[in-house]
Every structure is written in C-alpha cells, then in structure tokens.
Amino acid sequence: MANLEHKQAVLKLIYEGGLTEDGKMKTKSKSYRNLQGAASADQLEVVATTLSSFTNSPFIGAEKIETLNLN
C-alpha cells in the first residue's frame, strides 16, 4: 500500500510589486522554508500576517507549498 511522507513545506508570501507599463499589477514574493507540515491554517495566517507587517509593500496573500514522498 502506498504512503505519503512529508518532505518539506514552504510558506510563500505574495506582495504587490507595482504596475507594468500596461497598467497591470506586478507581484513579488518571499519564501520561508522549513515550515512544519502539520501547521494549521490558523497558525499560518498568524505567521503570514505578522511577517507581512514588516514590509511596506501591500500584502496580497500566502501559499503553503508542500513536497511529499510517495512510498
């Protein structure tokens, strides 16, 4: 029987990065590695909100990117 094993998780924060010449919004991001795989959505929201307060760029959102091994 196959199992999934946590390998790594990354929290990616996304910010506004200004406008292009066409008037479209650019984004920029910052990634934080070594995230615990068992971190809840509420815990991630607190961390993302806290970290985003340290920048002047408007905060858009956050992503949790997980890598799993299939055994």
PDB file of N, CA and C in Angstrom:
ATOM      1  N   MET A   1       0.840  -1.176   0.000  1.00  0.00           N
ATOM      2  CA  MET A   1       0.000   0.000   0.000  1.00  0.00           C
ATOM      3  C   MET A   1       0.890   1.247   0.000  1.00  0.00           C
ATOM      4  N   ALA A   2       0.517   2.252  -0.775  1.00  0.00           N
ATOM      5  CA  ALA A   2       1.305   3.479  -0.902  1.00  0.00           C
ATOM      6  C   ALA A   2       1.044   4.411   0.280  1.00  0.00           C
ATOM      7  N   ASN A   3       2.096   5.120   0.675  1.00  0.00           N
ATOM      8  CA  ASN A   3       2.014   6.105   1.754  1.00  0.00           C
ATOM      9  C   ASN A   3       2.636   7.417   1.304  1.00  0.00           C
ATOM     10  N   LEU A   4       2.140   8.527   1.860  1.00  0.00           N
ATOM     11  CA  LEU A   4       2.729   9.827   1.616  1.00  0.00           C
ATOM     12  C   LEU A   4       3.536  10.236   2.843  1.00  0.00           C
ATOM     13  N   GLU A   5       4.759  10.681   2.615  1.00  0.00           N
ATOM     14  CA  GLU A   5       5.642  11.094   3.701  1.00  0.00           C
ATOM     15  C   GLU A   5       6.043  12.552   3.469  1.00  0.00           C
ATOM     16  N   HIS A   6       5.890  13.372   4.500  1.00  0.00           N
ATOM     17  CA  HIS A   6       6.233  14.795   4.403  1.00  0.00           C
ATOM     18  C   HIS A   6       7.735  14.956   4.150  1.00  0.00           C
ATOM     19  N   LYS A   7       8.074  15.728   3.118  1.00  0.00           N
ATOM     20  CA  LYS A   7       9.476  16.003   2.808  1.00  0.00           C
ATOM     21  C   LYS A   7       9.840  17.422   3.227  1.00  0.00           C
ATOM     22  N   GLN A   8       9.104  18.415   2.733  1.00  0.00           N
ATOM     23  CA  GLN A   8       9.337  19.802   3.131  1.00  0.00           C
ATOM     24  C   GLN A   8       8.102  20.635   2.851  1.00  0.00           C
ATOM     25  N   ALA A   9       8.032  21.795   3.516  1.00  0.00           N
ATOM     26  CA  ALA A   9       6.941  22.741   3.282  1.00  0.00           C
ATOM     27  C   ALA A   9       7.521  24.145   3.282  1.00  0.00           C
ATOM     28  N   VAL A  10       6.931  24.997   2.442  1.00  0.00           N
ATOM     29  CA  VAL A  10       7.392  26.373   2.273  1.00  0.00           C
ATOM     30  C   VAL A  10       6.177  27.296   2.383  1.00  0.00           C
ATOM     31  N   LEU A  11       6.342  28.413   3.084  1.00  0.00           N
ATOM     32  CA  LEU A  11       5.313  29.445   3.146  1.00  0.00           C
ATOM     33  C   LEU A  11       5.746  30.560   2.207  1.00  0.00           C
ATOM     34  N   LYS A  12       4.919  30.867   1.215  1.00  0.00           N
ATOM     35  CA  LYS A  12       5.221  31.894   0.215  1.00  0.00           C
ATOM     36  C   LYS A  12       4.266  33.057   0.407  1.00  0.00           C
ATOM     37  N   LEU A  13       4.827  34.237   0.722  1.00  0.00           N
ATOM     38  CA  LEU A  13       4.029  35.443   0.888  1.00  0.00           C
ATOM     39  C   LEU A  13       4.089  36.248  -0.405  1.00  0.00           C
ATOM     40  N   ILE A  14       2.943  36.750  -0.851  1.00  0.00           N
ATOM     41  CA  ILE A  14       2.856  37.458  -2.131  1.00  0.00           C
ATOM     42  C   ILE A  14       2.458  38.909  -1.860  1.00  0.00           C
ATOM     43  N   TYR A  15       3.205  39.821  -2.495  1.00  0.00           N
ATOM     44  CA  TYR A  15       3.013  41.256  -2.310  1.00  0.00           C
ATOM     45  C   TYR A  15       2.808  41.939  -3.650  1.00  0.00           C
ATOM     46  N   GLU A  16       2.191  43.131  -3.612  1.00  0.00           N
ATOM     47  CA  GLU A  16       2.101  43.961  -4.812  1.00  0.00           C
ATOM     48  C   GLU A  16       3.496  44.486  -5.128  1.00  0.00           C
ATOM     49  N   GLY A  17       3.843  44.468  -6.414  1.00  0.00           N
ATOM     50  CA  GLY A  17       5.164  44.915  -6.829  1.00  0.00           C
ATOM     51  C   GLY A  17       5.128  46.099  -7.760  1.00  0.00           C
ATOM     52  N   GLY A  18       4.031  46.829  -7.794  1.00  0.00           N
ATOM     53  CA  GLY A  18       3.913  47.984  -8.678  1.00  0.00           C
ATOM     54  C   GLY A  18       3.092  47.648  -9.910  1.00  0.00           C
ATOM     55  N   LEU A  19       3.176  48.529 -10.900  1.00  0.00           N
ATOM     56  CA  LEU A  19       2.421  48.353 -12.128  1.00  0.00           C
ATOM     57  C   LEU A  19       3.361  48.272 -13.327  1.00  0.00           C
ATOM     58  N   THR A  20       2.948  47.515 -14.335  1.00  0.00           N
ATOM     59  CA  THR A  20       3.703  47.457 -15.586  1.00  0.00           C
ATOM     60  C   THR A  20       3.333  48.666 -16.428  1.00  0.00           C
ATOM     61  N   GLU A  21       3.986  48.813 -17.561  1.00  0.00           N
ATOM     62  CA  GLU A  21       3.664  49.914 -18.466  1.00  0.00           C
ATOM     63  C   GLU A  21       2.235  49.813 -18.990  1.00  0.00           C
ATOM     64  N   ASP A  22       1.706  48.585 -19.033  1.00  0.00           N
ATOM     65  CA  ASP A  22       0.328  48.349 -19.491  1.00  0.00           C
ATOM     66  C   ASP A  22      -0.707  48.613 -18.403  1.00  0.00           C
ATOM     67  N   GLY A  23      -0.254  48.895 -17.186  1.00  0.00           N
ATOM     68  CA  GLY A  23      -1.170  49.133 -16.080  1.00  0.00           C
ATOM     69  C   GLY A  23      -1.558  47.881 -15.320  1.00  0.00           C
ATOM     70  N   LYS A  24      -0.917  46.756 -15.657  1.00  0.00           N
ATOM     71  CA  LYS A  24      -1.199  45.504 -14.948  1.00  0.00           C
ATOM     72  C   LYS A  24      -0.346  45.436 -13.683  1.00  0.00           C
ATOM     73  N   MET A  25      -0.911  44.799 -12.652  1.00  0.00           N
ATOM     74  CA  MET A  25      -0.196  44.691 -11.394  1.00  0.00           C
ATOM     75  C   MET A  25       0.916  43.634 -11.479  1.00  0.00           C
ATOM     76  N   LYS A  26       2.103  43.998 -10.999  1.00  0.00           N
ATOM     77  CA  LYS A  26       3.195  43.045 -10.850  1.00  0.00           C
ATOM     78  C   LYS A  26       3.158  42.536  -9.414  1.00  0.00           C
ATOM     79  N   THR A  27       3.645  41.324  -9.213  1.00  0.00           N
ATOM     80  CA  THR A  27       3.739  40.784  -7.861  1.00  0.00           C
ATOM     81  C   THR A  27       5.180  40.421  -7.562  1.00  0.00           C
ATOM     82  N   LYS A  28       5.477  40.383  -6.274  1.00  0.00           N
ATOM     83  CA  LYS A  28       6.764  39.870  -5.820  1.00  0.00           C
ATOM     84  C   LYS A  28       6.464  38.958  -4.638  1.00  0.00           C
ATOM     85  N   SER A  29       7.391  38.062  -4.354  1.00  0.00           N
ATOM     86  CA  SER A  29       7.122  37.111  -3.283  1.00  0.00           C
ATOM     87  C   SER A  29       8.367  36.879  -2.434  1.00  0.00           C
ATOM     88  N   LYS A  30       8.121  36.367  -1.246  1.00  0.00           N
ATOM     89  CA  LYS A  30       9.180  35.987  -0.315  1.00  0.00           C
ATOM     90  C   LYS A  30       8.809  34.620   0.230  1.00  0.00           C
ATOM     91  N   SER A  31       9.764  33.680   0.204  1.00  0.00           N
ATOM     92  CA  SER A  31       9.501  32.315   0.669  1.00  0.00           C
ATOM     93  C   SER A  31      10.245  32.025   1.960  1.00  0.00           C
ATOM     94  N   TYR A  32       9.591  31.291   2.831  1.00  0.00           N
ATOM     95  CA  TYR A  32      10.165  30.870   4.115  1.00  0.00           C
ATOM     96  C   TYR A  32      10.134  29.347   4.160  1.00  0.00           C
ATOM     97  N   ARG A  33      11.297  28.755   4.223  1.00  0.00           N
ATOM     98  CA  ARG A  33      11.432  27.295   4.187  1.00  0.00           C
ATOM     99  C   ARG A  33      11.379  26.688   5.587  1.00  0.00           C
ATOM    100  N   ASN A  34      11.428  25.365   5.637  1.00  0.00           N
ATOM    101  CA  ASN A  34      11.451  24.584   6.872  1.00  0.00           C
ATOM    102  C   ASN A  34      10.182  24.755   7.703  1.00  0.00           C
ATOM    103  N   LEU A  35       9.083  24.925   7.026  1.00  0.00           N
ATOM    104  CA  LEU A  35       7.784  25.025   7.673  1.00  0.00           C
ATOM    105  C   LEU A  35       7.352  23.628   8.124  1.00  0.00           C
ATOM    106  N   GLN A  36       6.760  23.529   9.284  1.00  0.00           N
ATOM    107  CA  GLN A  36       6.259  22.233   9.737  1.00  0.00           C
ATOM    108  C   GLN A  36       5.066  21.830   8.890  1.00  0.00           C
ATOM    109  N   GLY A  37       5.061  20.591   8.456  1.00  0.00           N
ATOM    110  CA  GLY A  37       3.975  20.100   7.625  1.00  0.00           C
ATOM    111  C   GLY A  37       2.638  20.088   8.329  1.00  0.00           C
ATOM    112  N   ALA A  38       2.646  19.983   9.645  1.00  0.00           N
ATOM    113  CA  ALA A  38       1.410  19.896  10.416  1.00  0.00           C
ATOM    114  C   ALA A  38       0.865  21.258  10.821  1.00  0.00           C
ATOM    115  N   ALA A  39       1.459  22.340  10.357  1.00  0.00           N
ATOM    116  CA  ALA A  39       0.989  23.681  10.720  1.00  0.00           C
ATOM    117  C   ALA A  39      -0.436  23.881  10.205  1.00  0.00           C
ATOM    118  N   SER A  40      -1.300  24.390  11.082  1.00  0.00           N
ATOM    119  CA  SER A  40      -2.704  24.591  10.712  1.00  0.00           C
ATOM    120  C   SER A  40      -2.867  25.883   9.917  1.00  0.00           C
ATOM    121  N   ALA A  41      -4.018  26.025   9.282  1.00  0.00           N
ATOM    122  CA  ALA A  41      -4.317  27.235   8.509  1.00  0.00           C
ATOM    123  C   ALA A  41      -4.331  28.463   9.412  1.00  0.00           C
ATOM    124  N   ASP A  42      -4.862  28.335  10.624  1.00  0.00           N
ATOM    125  CA  ASP A  42      -4.885  29.462  11.558  1.00  0.00           C
ATOM    126  C   ASP A  42      -3.476  29.877  11.957  1.00  0.00           C
ATOM    127  N   GLN A  43      -2.604  28.916  12.207  1.00  0.00           N
ATOM    128  CA  GLN A  43      -1.220  29.227  12.554  1.00  0.00           C
ATOM    129  C   GLN A  43      -0.505  29.912  11.390  1.00  0.00           C
ATOM    130  N   LEU A  44      -0.730  29.428  10.186  1.00  0.00           N
ATOM    131  CA  LEU A  44      -0.097  30.027   9.015  1.00  0.00           C
ATOM    132  C   LEU A  44      -0.601  31.444   8.780  1.00  0.00           C
ATOM    133  N   GLU A  45      -1.874  31.683   9.045  1.00  0.00           N
ATOM    134  CA  GLU A  45      -2.431  33.026   8.884  1.00  0.00           C
ATOM    135  C   GLU A  45      -1.766  34.007   9.850  1.00  0.00           C
ATOM    136  N   VAL A  46      -1.555  33.590  11.088  1.00  0.00           N
ATOM    137  CA  VAL A  46      -0.907  34.449  12.074  1.00  0.00           C
ATOM    138  C   VAL A  46       0.518  34.770  11.643  1.00  0.00           C
ATOM    139  N   VAL A  47       1.250  33.762  11.200  1.00  0.00           N
ATOM    140  CA  VAL A  47       2.631  33.960  10.755  1.00  0.00           C
ATOM    141  C   VAL A  47       2.681  34.865   9.529  1.00  0.00           C
ATOM    142  N   ALA A  48       1.822  34.607   8.550  1.00  0.00           N
ATOM    143  CA  ALA A  48       1.808  35.412   7.320  1.00  0.00           C
ATOM    144  C   ALA A  48       1.468  36.867   7.624  1.00  0.00           C
ATOM    145  N   THR A  49       0.489  37.102   8.473  1.00  0.00           N
ATOM    146  CA  THR A  49       0.096  38.467   8.834  1.00  0.00           C
ATOM    147  C   THR A  49       1.224  39.180   9.568  1.00  0.00           C
ATOM    148  N   THR A  50       1.871  38.476  10.482  1.00  0.00           N
ATOM    149  CA  THR A  50       2.964  39.068  11.244  1.00  0.00           C
ATOM    150  C   THR A  50       4.139  39.408  10.338  1.00  0.00           C
ATOM    151  N   LEU A  51       4.547  38.460   9.488  1.00  0.00           N
ATOM    152  CA  LEU A  51       5.683  38.708   8.602  1.00  0.00           C
ATOM    153  C   LEU A  51       5.389  39.798   7.583  1.00  0.00           C
ATOM    154  N   SER A  52       4.159  39.852   7.095  1.00  0.00           N
ATOM    155  CA  SER A  52       3.816  40.855   6.093  1.00  0.00           C
ATOM    156  C   SER A  52       3.806  42.266   6.681  1.00  0.00           C
ATOM    157  N   SER A  53       3.692  42.380   7.988  1.00  0.00           N
ATOM    158  CA  SER A  53       3.689  43.702   8.617  1.00  0.00           C
ATOM    159  C   SER A  53       5.082  44.346   8.614  1.00  0.00           C
ATOM    160  N   PHE A  54       6.114  43.580   8.295  1.00  0.00           N
ATOM    161  CA  PHE A  54       7.480  44.098   8.290  1.00  0.00           C
ATOM    162  C   PHE A  54       7.883  44.715   6.959  1.00  0.00           C
ATOM    163  N   THR A  55       6.984  44.788   6.011  1.00  0.00           N
ATOM    164  CA  THR A  55       7.299  45.363   4.707  1.00  0.00           C
ATOM    165  C   THR A  55       6.337  46.506   4.382  1.00  0.00           C
ATOM    166  N   ASN A  56       6.770  47.382   3.494  1.00  0.00           N
ATOM    167  CA  ASN A  56       5.921  48.493   3.073  1.00  0.00           C
ATOM    168  C   ASN A  56       5.021  48.121   1.898  1.00  0.00           C
ATOM    169  N   SER A  57       5.301  46.993   1.253  1.00  0.00           N
ATOM    170  CA  SER A  57       4.508  46.557   0.098  1.00  0.00           C
ATOM    171  C   SER A  57       3.175  45.996   0.560  1.00  0.00           C
ATOM    172  N   PRO A  58       2.088  46.305  -0.152  1.00  0.00           N
ATOM    173  CA  PRO A  58       0.775  45.751   0.213  1.00  0.00           C
ATOM    174  C   PRO A  58       0.751  44.224   0.076  1.00  0.00           C
ATOM    175  N   PHE A  59       0.245  43.570   1.098  1.00  0.00           N
ATOM    176  CA  PHE A  59       0.162  42.110   1.170  1.00  0.00           C
ATOM    177  C   PHE A  59      -1.047  41.632   0.380  1.00  0.00           C
ATOM    178  N   ILE A  60      -0.824  40.653  -0.509  1.00  0.00           N
ATOM    179  CA  ILE A  60      -1.910  40.089  -1.316  1.00  0.00           C
ATOM    180  C   ILE A  60      -2.418  38.786  -0.714  1.00  0.00           C
ATOM    181  N   GLY A  61      -1.500  37.873  -0.387  1.00  0.00           N
ATOM    182  CA  GLY A  61      -1.911  36.574   0.134  1.00  0.00           C
ATOM    183  C   GLY A  61      -0.722  35.681   0.410  1.00  0.00           C
ATOM    184  N   ALA A  62      -1.020  34.447   0.763  1.00  0.00           N
ATOM    185  CA  ALA A  62       0.020  33.487   1.109  1.00  0.00           C
ATOM    186  C   ALA A  62      -0.321  32.117   0.535  1.00  0.00           C
ATOM    187  N   GLU A  63       0.728  31.320   0.298  1.00  0.00           N
ATOM    188  CA  GLU A  63       0.569  29.949  -0.184  1.00  0.00           C
ATOM    189  C   GLU A  63       1.426  29.019   0.657  1.00  0.00           C
ATOM    190  N   LYS A  64       0.911  27.842   0.919  1.00  0.00           N
ATOM    191  CA  LYS A  64       1.705  26.792   1.538  1.00  0.00           C
ATOM    192  C   LYS A  64       2.028  25.790   0.436  1.00  0.00           C
ATOM    193  N   ILE A  65       3.314  25.579   0.203  1.00  0.00           N
ATOM    194  CA  ILE A  65       3.762  24.662  -0.840  1.00  0.00           C
ATOM    195  C   ILE A  65       4.402  23.470  -0.149  1.00  0.00           C
ATOM    196  N   GLU A  66       3.818  22.291  -0.358  1.00  0.00           N
ATOM    197  CA  GLU A  66       4.295  21.083   0.306  1.00  0.00           C
ATOM    198  C   GLU A  66       4.877  20.108  -0.698  1.00  0.00           C
ATOM    199  N   THR A  67       5.949  19.462  -0.300  1.00  0.00           N
ATOM    200  CA  THR A  67       6.541  18.394  -1.092  1.00  0.00           C
ATOM    201  C   THR A  67       6.410  17.115  -0.276  1.00  0.00           C
ATOM    202  N   LEU A  68       5.861  16.083  -0.913  1.00  0.00           N
ATOM    203  CA  LEU A  68       5.642  14.804  -0.247  1.00  0.00           C
ATOM    204  C   LEU A  68       6.331  13.707  -1.039  1.00  0.00           C
ATOM    205  N   ASN A  69       6.814  12.694  -0.344  1.00  0.00           N
ATOM    206  CA  ASN A  69       7.356  11.495  -0.987  1.00  0.00           C
ATOM    207  C   ASN A  69       6.280  10.434  -1.044  1.00  0.00           C
ATOM    208  N   LEU A  70       6.163   9.780  -2.169  1.00  0.00           N
ATOM    209  CA  LEU A  70       5.224   8.682  -2.307  1.00  0.00           C
ATOM    210  C   LEU A  70       6.005   7.394  -2.148  1.00  0.00           C
ATOM    211  N   ASN A  71       5.686   6.643  -1.105  1.00  0.00           N
ATOM    212  CA  ASN A  71       6.382   5.380  -0.821  1.00  0.00           C
ATOM    213  C   ASN A  71       5.478   4.214  -1.137  1.00  0.00           C
TER     214      ASN A  71
END
